[in-house]
Amino acid sequence: MTSWAEIDPKDATGINLSTRLDIDAPLNEEGERCPWPWEPQQLVGAPIGQYHCQWCGAMVLAGVPHLDYREVWAVDHPGIGVLEYASEQEARAAAGTAGRLIPPGEIPSRRPKP
């Protein structure tokens, strides 16, 4: 599988990573693939700082490659994959239980246990 980071932005103009599943894409906080993650790295020198990616809504930094939240998730939630968690949330939404109160032990704490 090709990594999106191996592709230069000028060569990616016609690529949509929502449909090009042969290319690995960074995930946003919800576990969704970013369709076009090359924007942030092109904003070198722009007085923006941190902003929401217009393609996937993830928080990114201008001038650096798009953050892949699967790496952040692995630190915050050891042993639970972001895609597995996102699939569970989608299933709850489909079942109509997305708004219910979740028992404290059901969702992992953001803090690692000592």
N, C-alpha and C. Protein backbone atom coordinates (compact mmCIF):
# COMPACT_ATOMS: atom_id res chain seq x y z
N MET A 1 0.85 -1.18 0.00
CA MET A 1 0.00 0.00 0.00
C MET A 1 0.89 1.24 0.00
N THR A 2 0.54 2.22 -0.79
CA THR A 2 1.27 3.48 -0.86
C THR A 2 0.81 4.40 0.26
N SER A 3 1.74 5.12 0.84
CA SER A 3 1.39 6.11 1.86
C SER A 3 1.10 7.44 1.18
N TRP A 4 0.11 8.15 1.65
CA TRP A 4 -0.22 9.46 1.08
C TRP A 4 0.98 10.40 1.19
N ALA A 5 1.81 10.24 2.22
CA ALA A 5 2.95 11.14 2.45
C ALA A 5 4.03 10.98 1.39
N GLU A 6 4.02 9.87 0.66
CA GLU A 6 4.99 9.65 -0.41
C GLU A 6 4.61 10.38 -1.69
N ILE A 7 3.43 10.95 -1.74
CA ILE A 7 2.93 11.62 -2.95
C ILE A 7 3.06 13.13 -2.77
N ASP A 8 3.69 13.78 -3.73
CA ASP A 8 3.85 15.23 -3.68
C ASP A 8 2.50 15.90 -3.93
N PRO A 9 2.20 17.00 -3.23
CA PRO A 9 0.90 17.66 -3.43
C PRO A 9 0.58 17.99 -4.88
N LYS A 10 1.59 18.39 -5.67
CA LYS A 10 1.32 18.73 -7.07
C LYS A 10 0.90 17.51 -7.89
N ASP A 11 1.28 16.32 -7.42
CA ASP A 11 0.89 15.08 -8.11
C ASP A 11 -0.42 14.51 -7.57
N ALA A 12 -0.96 15.14 -6.54
CA ALA A 12 -2.17 14.62 -5.89
C ALA A 12 -3.43 15.38 -6.24
N THR A 13 -3.36 16.30 -7.19
CA THR A 13 -4.51 17.15 -7.48
C THR A 13 -5.77 16.38 -7.86
N GLY A 14 -5.63 15.26 -8.53
CA GLY A 14 -6.81 14.49 -8.94
C GLY A 14 -7.12 13.30 -8.05
N ILE A 15 -6.46 13.20 -6.91
CA ILE A 15 -6.64 12.04 -6.04
C ILE A 15 -7.67 12.33 -4.95
N ASN A 16 -8.58 11.39 -4.74
CA ASN A 16 -9.55 11.46 -3.65
C ASN A 16 -9.35 10.21 -2.81
N LEU A 17 -8.80 10.39 -1.60
CA LEU A 17 -8.49 9.23 -0.77
C LEU A 17 -9.73 8.58 -0.16
N SER A 18 -10.90 9.18 -0.38
CA SER A 18 -12.14 8.53 0.05
C SER A 18 -12.44 7.32 -0.83
N THR A 19 -11.99 7.42 -2.07
CA THR A 19 -12.25 6.33 -3.02
C THR A 19 -10.99 5.55 -3.38
N ARG A 20 -9.81 6.14 -3.22
CA ARG A 20 -8.54 5.47 -3.53
C ARG A 20 -8.05 4.71 -2.30
N LEU A 21 -8.61 3.53 -2.08
CA LEU A 21 -8.29 2.75 -0.89
C LEU A 21 -6.94 2.03 -1.00
N ASP A 22 -6.29 2.13 -2.18
CA ASP A 22 -4.96 1.56 -2.35
C ASP A 22 -3.88 2.49 -1.79
N ILE A 23 -4.28 3.70 -1.38
CA ILE A 23 -3.36 4.67 -0.78
C ILE A 23 -3.78 4.88 0.67
N ASP A 24 -2.84 4.70 1.58
CA ASP A 24 -3.11 4.90 3.01
C ASP A 24 -3.37 6.38 3.25
N ALA A 25 -4.36 6.69 4.06
CA ALA A 25 -4.72 8.08 4.35
C ALA A 25 -4.70 8.32 5.85
N PRO A 26 -4.41 9.56 6.28
CA PRO A 26 -4.49 9.84 7.71
C PRO A 26 -5.95 9.86 8.15
N LEU A 27 -6.18 9.52 9.41
CA LEU A 27 -7.53 9.52 9.95
C LEU A 27 -7.74 10.77 10.80
N ASN A 28 -8.98 11.28 10.80
CA ASN A 28 -9.31 12.40 11.69
C ASN A 28 -9.70 11.86 13.06
N GLU A 29 -10.14 12.73 13.93
CA GLU A 29 -10.48 12.33 15.30
C GLU A 29 -11.62 11.33 15.37
N GLU A 30 -12.43 11.26 14.32
CA GLU A 30 -13.57 10.33 14.28
C GLU A 30 -13.22 9.01 13.61
N GLY A 31 -11.98 8.85 13.19
CA GLY A 31 -11.57 7.62 12.53
C GLY A 31 -11.89 7.60 11.05
N GLU A 32 -12.21 8.75 10.45
CA GLU A 32 -12.54 8.84 9.03
C GLU A 32 -11.29 9.21 8.23
N ARG A 33 -11.20 8.64 7.03
CA ARG A 33 -10.07 8.96 6.14
C ARG A 33 -10.19 10.39 5.63
N CYS A 34 -9.07 11.11 5.59
CA CYS A 34 -9.08 12.45 5.00
C CYS A 34 -9.00 12.30 3.48
N PRO A 35 -9.94 12.87 2.74
CA PRO A 35 -9.93 12.71 1.28
C PRO A 35 -8.75 13.40 0.58
N TRP A 36 -8.26 14.52 1.17
CA TRP A 36 -7.15 15.24 0.53
C TRP A 36 -6.28 15.88 1.60
N PRO A 37 -5.32 15.11 2.18
CA PRO A 37 -4.52 15.58 3.31
C PRO A 37 -3.31 16.44 2.95
N TRP A 38 -3.15 16.84 1.72
CA TRP A 38 -1.95 17.57 1.30
C TRP A 38 -2.03 19.07 1.55
N GLU A 39 -3.18 19.59 1.94
CA GLU A 39 -3.33 21.03 2.13
C GLU A 39 -2.44 21.62 3.23
N PRO A 40 -2.45 21.08 4.46
CA PRO A 40 -1.70 21.75 5.54
C PRO A 40 -0.22 21.97 5.25
N GLN A 41 0.46 21.01 4.65
CA GLN A 41 1.89 21.14 4.41
C GLN A 41 2.21 22.21 3.38
N GLN A 42 1.24 22.63 2.58
CA GLN A 42 1.47 23.66 1.58
C GLN A 42 1.35 25.07 2.16
N LEU A 43 0.91 25.19 3.39
CA LEU A 43 0.68 26.49 3.99
C LEU A 43 1.87 26.99 4.81
N VAL A 44 3.07 26.66 4.38
CA VAL A 44 4.28 27.12 5.06
C VAL A 44 4.31 28.65 5.04
N GLY A 45 4.51 29.24 6.20
CA GLY A 45 4.60 30.70 6.29
C GLY A 45 3.27 31.41 6.39
N ALA A 46 2.17 30.71 6.23
CA ALA A 46 0.85 31.35 6.35
C ALA A 46 0.58 31.66 7.82
N PRO A 47 0.07 32.83 8.13
CA PRO A 47 -0.17 33.19 9.54
C PRO A 47 -1.46 32.56 10.08
N ILE A 48 -1.52 31.24 10.04
CA ILE A 48 -2.74 30.54 10.44
C ILE A 48 -2.53 29.77 11.75
N GLY A 49 -1.47 28.99 11.83
CA GLY A 49 -1.25 28.13 13.00
C GLY A 49 -2.15 26.91 12.92
N GLN A 50 -2.88 26.64 13.98
CA GLN A 50 -3.75 25.46 14.02
C GLN A 50 -5.11 25.82 13.42
N TYR A 51 -5.66 24.92 12.63
CA TYR A 51 -6.97 25.15 12.00
C TYR A 51 -7.63 23.81 11.67
N HIS A 52 -8.89 23.85 11.27
CA HIS A 52 -9.60 22.63 10.88
C HIS A 52 -9.37 22.38 9.39
N CYS A 53 -8.95 21.15 9.08
CA CYS A 53 -8.77 20.74 7.68
C CYS A 53 -10.12 20.87 6.97
N GLN A 54 -10.12 21.55 5.84
CA GLN A 54 -11.39 21.74 5.12
C GLN A 54 -11.93 20.46 4.52
N TRP A 55 -11.10 19.41 4.43
CA TRP A 55 -11.52 18.17 3.81
C TRP A 55 -12.09 17.16 4.79
N CYS A 56 -11.55 17.15 6.03
CA CYS A 56 -12.02 16.13 6.99
C CYS A 56 -12.38 16.71 8.35
N GLY A 57 -12.06 17.96 8.59
CA GLY A 57 -12.40 18.60 9.85
C GLY A 57 -11.41 18.38 10.98
N ALA A 58 -10.34 17.63 10.74
CA ALA A 58 -9.35 17.37 11.79
C ALA A 58 -8.59 18.65 12.12
N MET A 59 -8.14 18.77 13.36
CA MET A 59 -7.27 19.88 13.74
C MET A 59 -5.88 19.58 13.20
N VAL A 60 -5.34 20.52 12.42
CA VAL A 60 -4.02 20.37 11.81
C VAL A 60 -3.24 21.67 11.99
N LEU A 61 -1.96 21.63 11.68
CA LEU A 61 -1.10 22.81 11.76
C LEU A 61 -0.66 23.22 10.37
N ALA A 62 -0.77 24.50 10.08
CA ALA A 62 -0.31 25.01 8.79
C ALA A 62 1.20 24.82 8.67
N GLY A 63 1.63 24.34 7.51
CA GLY A 63 3.05 24.19 7.24
C GLY A 63 3.65 22.84 7.58
N VAL A 64 2.88 21.94 8.19
CA VAL A 64 3.38 20.60 8.52
C VAL A 64 2.44 19.56 7.94
N PRO A 65 2.92 18.34 7.72
CA PRO A 65 2.04 17.30 7.18
C PRO A 65 0.82 17.05 8.07
N HIS A 66 -0.26 16.64 7.45
CA HIS A 66 -1.53 16.36 8.12
C HIS A 66 -1.30 15.35 9.25
N LEU A 67 -1.81 15.64 10.43
CA LEU A 67 -1.71 14.74 11.57
C LEU A 67 -2.60 13.52 11.34
N ASP A 68 -2.07 12.35 11.68
CA ASP A 68 -2.84 11.12 11.59
C ASP A 68 -3.29 10.77 13.01
N TYR A 69 -4.58 10.89 13.27
CA TYR A 69 -5.08 10.69 14.62
C TYR A 69 -5.06 9.24 15.08
N ARG A 70 -4.75 8.28 14.20
CA ARG A 70 -4.62 6.90 14.68
C ARG A 70 -3.41 6.81 15.61
N GLU A 71 -2.40 7.66 15.40
CA GLU A 71 -1.24 7.68 16.28
C GLU A 71 -1.60 8.29 17.64
N VAL A 72 -2.37 9.37 17.64
CA VAL A 72 -2.81 10.01 18.87
C VAL A 72 -3.71 9.05 19.64
N TRP A 73 -4.61 8.40 18.94
CA TRP A 73 -5.54 7.47 19.55
C TRP A 73 -4.81 6.34 20.26
N ALA A 74 -3.76 5.81 19.65
CA ALA A 74 -3.02 4.70 20.24
C ALA A 74 -2.41 5.08 21.59
N VAL A 75 -2.01 6.33 21.74
CA VAL A 75 -1.45 6.80 23.01
C VAL A 75 -2.56 7.00 24.04
N ASP A 76 -3.65 7.66 23.63
CA ASP A 76 -4.74 7.96 24.55
C ASP A 76 -5.58 6.75 24.93
N HIS A 77 -5.67 5.76 24.03
CA HIS A 77 -6.53 4.59 24.26
C HIS A 77 -5.78 3.31 23.91
N PRO A 78 -4.79 2.93 24.72
CA PRO A 78 -4.03 1.72 24.38
C PRO A 78 -4.93 0.48 24.33
N GLY A 79 -4.74 -0.31 23.30
CA GLY A 79 -5.48 -1.56 23.17
C GLY A 79 -6.82 -1.43 22.45
N ILE A 80 -7.24 -0.21 22.12
CA ILE A 80 -8.51 -0.01 21.43
C ILE A 80 -8.23 0.77 20.15
N GLY A 81 -8.51 0.18 19.01
CA GLY A 81 -8.25 0.85 17.73
C GLY A 81 -9.28 1.91 17.42
N VAL A 82 -8.84 2.99 16.77
CA VAL A 82 -9.75 4.09 16.44
C VAL A 82 -10.84 3.63 15.48
N LEU A 83 -10.49 2.75 14.53
CA LEU A 83 -11.51 2.28 13.59
C LEU A 83 -12.54 1.41 14.30
N GLU A 84 -12.08 0.60 15.24
CA GLU A 84 -12.98 -0.25 16.02
C GLU A 84 -13.94 0.63 16.84
N TYR A 85 -13.41 1.67 17.46
CA TYR A 85 -14.25 2.58 18.26
C TYR A 85 -15.24 3.32 17.36
N ALA A 86 -14.77 3.82 16.20
CA ALA A 86 -15.66 4.54 15.29
C ALA A 86 -16.77 3.63 14.78
N SER A 87 -16.45 2.38 14.47
CA SER A 87 -17.47 1.43 14.02
C SER A 87 -18.52 1.19 15.10
N GLU A 88 -18.05 1.11 16.35
CA GLU A 88 -18.97 0.92 17.47
C GLU A 88 -19.91 2.12 17.62
N GLN A 89 -19.37 3.32 17.45
CA GLN A 89 -20.19 4.52 17.56
C GLN A 89 -21.21 4.59 16.42
N GLU A 90 -20.80 4.20 15.21
CA GLU A 90 -21.73 4.16 14.08
C GLU A 90 -22.85 3.16 14.33
N ALA A 91 -22.51 2.01 14.90
CA ALA A 91 -23.51 0.99 15.21
C ALA A 91 -24.49 1.51 16.25
N ARG A 92 -23.99 2.24 17.25
CA ARG A 92 -24.88 2.82 18.25
C ARG A 92 -25.81 3.85 17.63
N ALA A 93 -25.27 4.66 16.73
CA ALA A 93 -26.10 5.67 16.06
C ALA A 93 -27.20 4.99 15.25
N ALA A 94 -26.84 3.92 14.53
CA ALA A 94 -27.82 3.19 13.72
C ALA A 94 -28.88 2.53 14.59
N ALA A 95 -28.48 2.08 15.79
CA ALA A 95 -29.41 1.41 16.69
C ALA A 95 -30.24 2.40 17.52
N GLY A 96 -29.91 3.69 17.37
CA GLY A 96 -30.65 4.70 18.12
C GLY A 96 -30.22 4.83 19.57
N THR A 97 -29.04 4.30 19.90
CA THR A 97 -28.57 4.39 21.28
C THR A 97 -27.42 5.38 21.42
N ALA A 98 -27.15 6.17 20.38
CA ALA A 98 -25.99 7.07 20.41
C ALA A 98 -26.12 8.14 21.48
N GLY A 99 -27.32 8.56 21.83
CA GLY A 99 -27.47 9.63 22.80
C GLY A 99 -27.61 9.16 24.23
N ARG A 100 -27.62 7.86 24.47
CA ARG A 100 -27.82 7.36 25.82
C ARG A 100 -26.58 7.60 26.68
N LEU A 101 -26.78 7.60 27.97
CA LEU A 101 -25.65 7.72 28.88
C LEU A 101 -24.89 6.41 28.87
N ILE A 102 -23.59 6.50 28.77
CA ILE A 102 -22.76 5.32 28.69
C ILE A 102 -22.16 5.04 30.06
N PRO A 103 -22.26 3.81 30.54
CA PRO A 103 -21.67 3.48 31.84
C PRO A 103 -20.18 3.83 31.87
N PRO A 104 -19.67 4.30 33.02
CA PRO A 104 -18.28 4.74 33.11
C PRO A 104 -17.24 3.75 32.62
N GLY A 105 -17.43 2.47 32.80
CA GLY A 105 -16.42 1.50 32.39
C GLY A 105 -16.47 1.15 30.91
N GLU A 106 -17.48 1.62 30.19
CA GLU A 106 -17.66 1.22 28.81
C GLU A 106 -16.73 1.96 27.85
N ILE A 107 -16.45 3.23 28.10
CA ILE A 107 -15.56 4.01 27.25
C ILE A 107 -14.27 4.26 28.04
N PRO A 108 -13.13 4.01 27.42
CA PRO A 108 -11.88 4.15 28.14
C PRO A 108 -11.59 5.59 28.52
N SER A 109 -10.90 5.76 29.63
CA SER A 109 -10.47 7.07 30.09
C SER A 109 -9.39 7.57 29.15
N ARG A 110 -9.30 8.88 28.98
CA ARG A 110 -8.25 9.45 28.14
C ARG A 110 -6.90 9.38 28.84
N ARG A 111 -6.90 9.20 30.15
CA ARG A 111 -5.64 9.11 30.89
C ARG A 111 -5.21 7.65 31.00
N PRO A 112 -3.94 7.38 30.73
CA PRO A 112 -3.47 6.00 30.91
C PRO A 112 -3.51 5.62 32.39
N LYS A 113 -3.83 4.38 32.66
CA LYS A 113 -3.86 3.91 34.05
C LYS A 113 -2.43 3.68 34.53
N PRO A 114 -2.16 4.02 35.82
CA PRO A 114 -0.79 3.83 36.34
C PRO A 114 -0.42 2.37 36.46
